[in-house]
Amino acid sequence: MNDGLRLMAVASQLVGFIIIFLLRTYDVAIFWQGTVLGLMLCSALLIWLFRRYARNKKLLDRHR
């Protein structure tokens, strides 16, 4: 399960950086670059929380 989440995290960051690069190349407003960066950070946080929840659930199940 962690491999799929890790792949999703890397893919989301890659797509975000490509979008920021394209926005910078075509001289789009900094607001949109910041918005993309914010979405990248939110997706990374959500994936981290989901991985942590899954790990803690697995540890809790082991102790029962």
PDB file of N, CA and C in Angstrom:
ATOM      1  N   MET A   1       0.826  -1.198   0.000  1.00  0.00           N
ATOM      2  CA  MET A   1       0.000   0.000   0.000  1.00  0.00           C
ATOM      3  C   MET A   1       0.866   1.256   0.000  1.00  0.00           C
ATOM      4  N   ASN A   2       1.980   1.242   0.721  1.00  0.00           N
ATOM      5  CA  ASN A   2       2.831   2.425   0.786  1.00  0.00           C
ATOM      6  C   ASN A   2       3.470   2.739  -0.552  1.00  0.00           C
ATOM      7  N   ASP A   3       3.732   1.714  -1.358  1.00  0.00           N
ATOM      8  CA  ASP A   3       4.347   1.975  -2.654  1.00  0.00           C
ATOM      9  C   ASP A   3       3.416   2.778  -3.546  1.00  0.00           C
ATOM     10  N   GLY A   4       2.136   2.487  -3.522  1.00  0.00           N
ATOM     11  CA  GLY A   4       1.167   3.243  -4.308  1.00  0.00           C
ATOM     12  C   GLY A   4       1.064   4.684  -3.831  1.00  0.00           C
ATOM     13  N   LEU A   5       1.080   4.873  -2.529  1.00  0.00           N
ATOM     14  CA  LEU A   5       1.021   6.229  -1.973  1.00  0.00           C
ATOM     15  C   LEU A   5       2.294   7.003  -2.288  1.00  0.00           C
ATOM     16  N   ARG A   6       3.430   6.322  -2.216  1.00  0.00           N
ATOM     17  CA  ARG A   6       4.696   6.986  -2.539  1.00  0.00           C
ATOM     18  C   ARG A   6       4.705   7.387  -4.008  1.00  0.00           C
ATOM     19  N   LEU A   7       4.217   6.524  -4.866  1.00  0.00           N
ATOM     20  CA  LEU A   7       4.134   6.828  -6.292  1.00  0.00           C
ATOM     21  C   LEU A   7       3.208   8.020  -6.537  1.00  0.00           C
ATOM     22  N   MET A   8       2.076   8.059  -5.847  1.00  0.00           N
ATOM     23  CA  MET A   8       1.145   9.175  -5.996  1.00  0.00           C
ATOM     24  C   MET A   8       1.780  10.480  -5.496  1.00  0.00           C
ATOM     25  N   ALA A   9       2.535  10.423  -4.427  1.00  0.00           N
ATOM     26  CA  ALA A   9       3.190  11.621  -3.901  1.00  0.00           C
ATOM     27  C   ALA A   9       4.225  12.152  -4.892  1.00  0.00           C
ATOM     28  N   VAL A  10       5.039  11.263  -5.435  1.00  0.00           N
ATOM     29  CA  VAL A  10       6.056  11.685  -6.390  1.00  0.00           C
ATOM     30  C   VAL A  10       5.401  12.222  -7.658  1.00  0.00           C
ATOM     31  N   ALA A  11       4.365  11.550  -8.121  1.00  0.00           N
ATOM     32  CA  ALA A  11       3.681  11.994  -9.347  1.00  0.00           C
ATOM     33  C   ALA A  11       3.029  13.358  -9.160  1.00  0.00           C
ATOM     34  N   SER A  12       2.407  13.592  -8.011  1.00  0.00           N
ATOM     35  CA  SER A  12       1.756  14.879  -7.790  1.00  0.00           C
ATOM     36  C   SER A  12       2.784  16.009  -7.724  1.00  0.00           C
ATOM     37  N   GLN A  13       3.923  15.742  -7.096  1.00  0.00           N
ATOM     38  CA  GLN A  13       4.970  16.763  -7.038  1.00  0.00           C
ATOM     39  C   GLN A  13       5.567  17.027  -8.422  1.00  0.00           C
ATOM     40  N   LEU A  14       5.750  15.965  -9.200  1.00  0.00           N
ATOM     41  CA  LEU A  14       6.280  16.117 -10.551  1.00  0.00           C
ATOM     42  C   LEU A  14       5.343  16.942 -11.428  1.00  0.00           C
ATOM     43  N   VAL A  15       4.070  16.630 -11.377  1.00  0.00           N
ATOM     44  CA  VAL A  15       3.087  17.388 -12.159  1.00  0.00           C
ATOM     45  C   VAL A  15       3.061  18.845 -11.711  1.00  0.00           C
ATOM     46  N   GLY A  16       3.128  19.075 -10.421  1.00  0.00           N
ATOM     47  CA  GLY A  16       3.137  20.443  -9.903  1.00  0.00           C
ATOM     48  C   GLY A  16       4.345  21.235 -10.374  1.00  0.00           C
ATOM     49  N   PHE A  17       5.517  20.619 -10.326  1.00  0.00           N
ATOM     50  CA  PHE A  17       6.718  21.320 -10.780  1.00  0.00           C
ATOM     51  C   PHE A  17       6.678  21.599 -12.275  1.00  0.00           C
ATOM     52  N   ILE A  18       6.143  20.660 -13.047  1.00  0.00           N
ATOM     53  CA  ILE A  18       6.012  20.888 -14.489  1.00  0.00           C
ATOM     54  C   ILE A  18       5.067  22.055 -14.753  1.00  0.00           C
ATOM     55  N   ILE A  19       3.951  22.102 -14.027  1.00  0.00           N
ATOM     56  CA  ILE A  19       2.997  23.202 -14.209  1.00  0.00           C
ATOM     57  C   ILE A  19       3.638  24.532 -13.830  1.00  0.00           C
ATOM     58  N   ILE A  20       4.367  24.562 -12.698  1.00  0.00           N
ATOM     59  CA  ILE A  20       5.035  25.803 -12.290  1.00  0.00           C
ATOM     60  C   ILE A  20       6.067  26.218 -13.333  1.00  0.00           C
ATOM     61  N   PHE A  21       6.815  25.270 -13.853  1.00  0.00           N
ATOM     62  CA  PHE A  21       7.802  25.575 -14.889  1.00  0.00           C
ATOM     63  C   PHE A  21       7.122  26.160 -16.124  1.00  0.00           C
ATOM     64  N   LEU A  22       6.012  25.551 -16.543  1.00  0.00           N
ATOM     65  CA  LEU A  22       5.303  26.064 -17.717  1.00  0.00           C
ATOM     66  C   LEU A  22       4.711  27.446 -17.457  1.00  0.00           C
ATOM     67  N   LEU A  23       4.170  27.653 -16.259  1.00  0.00           N
ATOM     68  CA  LEU A  23       3.630  28.970 -15.927  1.00  0.00           C
ATOM     69  C   LEU A  23       4.733  30.020 -15.940  1.00  0.00           C
ATOM     70  N   ARG A  24       5.895  29.657 -15.429  1.00  0.00           N
ATOM     71  CA  ARG A  24       7.021  30.600 -15.417  1.00  0.00           C
ATOM     72  C   ARG A  24       7.526  30.855 -16.843  1.00  0.00           C
ATOM     73  N   THR A  25       7.537  29.821 -17.678  1.00  0.00           N
ATOM     74  CA  THR A  25       8.006  29.959 -19.053  1.00  0.00           C
ATOM     75  C   THR A  25       7.123  30.912 -19.839  1.00  0.00           C
ATOM     76  N   TYR A  26       5.821  30.801 -19.649  1.00  0.00           N
ATOM     77  CA  TYR A  26       4.888  31.632 -20.406  1.00  0.00           C
ATOM     78  C   TYR A  26       4.496  32.901 -19.660  1.00  0.00           C
ATOM     79  N   ASP A  27       5.260  33.251 -18.608  1.00  0.00           N
ATOM     80  CA  ASP A  27       5.099  34.512 -17.878  1.00  0.00           C
ATOM     81  C   ASP A  27       3.679  34.729 -17.339  1.00  0.00           C
ATOM     82  N   VAL A  28       3.140  33.693 -16.739  1.00  0.00           N
ATOM     83  CA  VAL A  28       1.816  33.774 -16.118  1.00  0.00           C
ATOM     84  C   VAL A  28       1.977  34.381 -14.732  1.00  0.00           C
ATOM     85  N   ALA A  29       0.926  34.971 -14.218  1.00  0.00           N
ATOM     86  CA  ALA A  29       0.965  35.679 -12.935  1.00  0.00           C
ATOM     87  C   ALA A  29       1.508  34.792 -11.809  1.00  0.00           C
ATOM     88  N   ILE A  30       2.224  35.413 -10.907  1.00  0.00           N
ATOM     89  CA  ILE A  30       2.817  34.709  -9.764  1.00  0.00           C
ATOM     90  C   ILE A  30       1.729  34.108  -8.878  1.00  0.00           C
ATOM     91  N   PHE A  31       0.555  34.713  -8.874  1.00  0.00           N
ATOM     92  CA  PHE A  31      -0.552  34.176  -8.074  1.00  0.00           C
ATOM     93  C   PHE A  31      -0.824  32.711  -8.425  1.00  0.00           C
ATOM     94  N   TRP A  32      -0.847  32.393  -9.712  1.00  0.00           N
ATOM     95  CA  TRP A  32      -1.139  31.026 -10.133  1.00  0.00           C
ATOM     96  C   TRP A  32       0.000  30.077  -9.793  1.00  0.00           C
ATOM     97  N   GLN A  33       1.217  30.567  -9.847  1.00  0.00           N
ATOM     98  CA  GLN A  33       2.350  29.734  -9.437  1.00  0.00           C
ATOM     99  C   GLN A  33       2.255  29.415  -7.944  1.00  0.00           C
ATOM    100  N   GLY A  34       1.884  30.416  -7.153  1.00  0.00           N
ATOM    101  CA  GLY A  34       1.701  30.200  -5.725  1.00  0.00           C
ATOM    102  C   GLY A  34       0.545  29.266  -5.425  1.00  0.00           C
ATOM    103  N   THR A  35      -0.515  29.374  -6.225  1.00  0.00           N
ATOM    104  CA  THR A  35      -1.661  28.483  -6.051  1.00  0.00           C
ATOM    105  C   THR A  35      -1.267  27.034  -6.317  1.00  0.00           C
ATOM    106  N   VAL A  36      -0.514  26.815  -7.388  1.00  0.00           N
ATOM    107  CA  VAL A  36      -0.054  25.455  -7.703  1.00  0.00           C
ATOM    108  C   VAL A  36       0.849  24.932  -6.594  1.00  0.00           C
ATOM    109  N   LEU A  37       1.746  25.782  -6.101  1.00  0.00           N
ATOM    110  CA  LEU A  37       2.628  25.372  -5.005  1.00  0.00           C
ATOM    111  C   LEU A  37       1.820  25.025  -3.755  1.00  0.00           C
ATOM    112  N   GLY A  38       0.808  25.817  -3.460  1.00  0.00           N
ATOM    113  CA  GLY A  38      -0.059  25.520  -2.321  1.00  0.00           C
ATOM    114  C   GLY A  38      -0.790  24.200  -2.479  1.00  0.00           C
ATOM    115  N   LEU A  39      -1.275  23.920  -3.683  1.00  0.00           N
ATOM    116  CA  LEU A  39      -1.939  22.637  -3.940  1.00  0.00           C
ATOM    117  C   LEU A  39      -0.964  21.468  -3.809  1.00  0.00           C
ATOM    118  N   MET A  40       0.269  21.679  -4.250  1.00  0.00           N
ATOM    119  CA  MET A  40       1.289  20.636  -4.099  1.00  0.00           C
ATOM    120  C   MET A  40       1.531  20.337  -2.622  1.00  0.00           C
ATOM    121  N   LEU A  41       1.642  21.386  -1.822  1.00  0.00           N
ATOM    122  CA  LEU A  41       1.875  21.191  -0.391  1.00  0.00           C
ATOM    123  C   LEU A  41       0.688  20.516   0.288  1.00  0.00           C
ATOM    124  N   CYS A  42      -0.527  20.892  -0.114  1.00  0.00           N
ATOM    125  CA  CYS A  42      -1.726  20.256   0.449  1.00  0.00           C
ATOM    126  C   CYS A  42      -1.795  18.780   0.087  1.00  0.00           C
ATOM    127  N   SER A  43      -1.476  18.456  -1.157  1.00  0.00           N
ATOM    128  CA  SER A  43      -1.511  17.043  -1.561  1.00  0.00           C
ATOM    129  C   SER A  43      -0.447  16.249  -0.809  1.00  0.00           C
ATOM    130  N   ALA A  44       0.734  16.834  -0.619  1.00  0.00           N
ATOM    131  CA  ALA A  44       1.782  16.143   0.137  1.00  0.00           C
ATOM    132  C   ALA A  44       1.351  15.923   1.585  1.00  0.00           C
ATOM    133  N   LEU A  45       0.700  16.919   2.175  1.00  0.00           N
ATOM    134  CA  LEU A  45       0.223  16.784   3.553  1.00  0.00           C
ATOM    135  C   LEU A  45      -0.844  15.700   3.666  1.00  0.00           C
ATOM    136  N   LEU A  46      -1.777  15.686   2.734  1.00  0.00           N
ATOM    137  CA  LEU A  46      -2.834  14.671   2.773  1.00  0.00           C
ATOM    138  C   LEU A  46      -2.280  13.264   2.588  1.00  0.00           C
ATOM    139  N   ILE A  47      -1.330  13.099   1.696  1.00  0.00           N
ATOM    140  CA  ILE A  47      -0.723  11.782   1.493  1.00  0.00           C
ATOM    141  C   ILE A  47       0.048  11.365   2.736  1.00  0.00           C
ATOM    142  N   TRP A  48       0.772  12.308   3.349  1.00  0.00           N
ATOM    143  CA  TRP A  48       1.490  12.004   4.583  1.00  0.00           C
ATOM    144  C   TRP A  48       0.530  11.569   5.686  1.00  0.00           C
ATOM    145  N   LEU A  49      -0.585  12.299   5.832  1.00  0.00           N
ATOM    146  CA  LEU A  49      -1.564  11.931   6.860  1.00  0.00           C
ATOM    147  C   LEU A  49      -2.163  10.555   6.598  1.00  0.00           C
ATOM    148  N   PHE A  50      -2.450  10.240   5.350  1.00  0.00           N
ATOM    149  CA  PHE A  50      -3.025   8.936   5.033  1.00  0.00           C
ATOM    150  C   PHE A  50      -2.018   7.819   5.317  1.00  0.00           C
ATOM    151  N   ARG A  51      -0.744   8.043   4.967  1.00  0.00           N
ATOM    152  CA  ARG A  51       0.282   7.034   5.243  1.00  0.00           C
ATOM    153  C   ARG A  51       0.444   6.835   6.744  1.00  0.00           C
ATOM    154  N   ARG A  52       0.420   7.924   7.491  1.00  0.00           N
ATOM    155  CA  ARG A  52       0.571   7.834   8.951  1.00  0.00           C
ATOM    156  C   ARG A  52      -0.613   7.092   9.567  1.00  0.00           C
ATOM    157  N   TYR A  53      -1.821   7.387   9.094  1.00  0.00           N
ATOM    158  CA  TYR A  53      -3.011   6.700   9.584  1.00  0.00           C
ATOM    159  C   TYR A  53      -2.914   5.200   9.304  1.00  0.00           C
ATOM    160  N   ALA A  54      -2.516   4.845   8.084  1.00  0.00           N
ATOM    161  CA  ALA A  54      -2.410   3.431   7.726  1.00  0.00           C
ATOM    162  C   ALA A  54      -1.347   2.729   8.576  1.00  0.00           C
ATOM    163  N   ARG A  55      -0.222   3.396   8.822  1.00  0.00           N
ATOM    164  CA  ARG A  55       0.837   2.804   9.637  1.00  0.00           C
ATOM    165  C   ARG A  55       0.375   2.621  11.076  1.00  0.00           C
ATOM    166  N   ASN A  56      -0.279   3.645  11.632  1.00  0.00           N
ATOM    167  CA  ASN A  56      -0.758   3.531  13.010  1.00  0.00           C
ATOM    168  C   ASN A  56      -1.839   2.472  13.144  1.00  0.00           C
ATOM    169  N   LYS A  57      -2.686   2.358  12.135  1.00  0.00           N
ATOM    170  CA  LYS A  57      -3.729   1.320  12.165  1.00  0.00           C
ATOM    171  C   LYS A  57      -3.102  -0.068  12.141  1.00  0.00           C
ATOM    172  N   LYS A  58      -2.058  -0.234  11.337  1.00  0.00           N
ATOM    173  CA  LYS A  58      -1.376  -1.528  11.274  1.00  0.00           C
ATOM    174  C   LYS A  58      -0.720  -1.856  12.610  1.00  0.00           C
ATOM    175  N   LEU A  59      -0.091  -0.865  13.242  1.00  0.00           N
ATOM    176  CA  LEU A  59       0.535  -1.092  14.543  1.00  0.00           C
ATOM    177  C   LEU A  59      -0.506  -1.418  15.616  1.00  0.00           C
ATOM    178  N   LEU A  60      -1.639  -0.747  15.562  1.00  0.00           N
ATOM    179  CA  LEU A  60      -2.709  -1.003  16.528  1.00  0.00           C
ATOM    180  C   LEU A  60      -3.268  -2.410  16.346  1.00  0.00           C
ATOM    181  N   ASP A  61      -3.415  -2.848  15.123  1.00  0.00           N
ATOM    182  CA  ASP A  61      -3.924  -4.196  14.856  1.00  0.00           C
ATOM    183  C   ASP A  61      -2.943  -5.269  15.335  1.00  0.00           C
ATOM    184  N   ARG A  62      -1.648  -4.982  15.276  1.00  0.00           N
ATOM    185  CA  ARG A  62      -0.647  -5.940  15.766  1.00  0.00           C
ATOM    186  C   ARG A  62      -0.740  -6.144  17.266  1.00  0.00           C
ATOM    187  N   HIS A  63      -1.058  -5.069  17.981  1.00  0.00           N
ATOM    188  CA  HIS A  63      -1.119  -5.148  19.442  1.00  0.00           C
ATOM    189  C   HIS A  63      -2.390  -5.798  19.953  1.00  0.00           C
ATOM    190  N   ARG A  64      -3.357  -5.952  19.112  1.00  0.00           N
ATOM    191  CA  ARG A  64      -4.620  -6.562  19.558  1.00  0.00           C
ATOM    192  C   ARG A  64      -4.576  -8.047  19.439  1.00  0.00           C
TER     193      ARG A  64
END
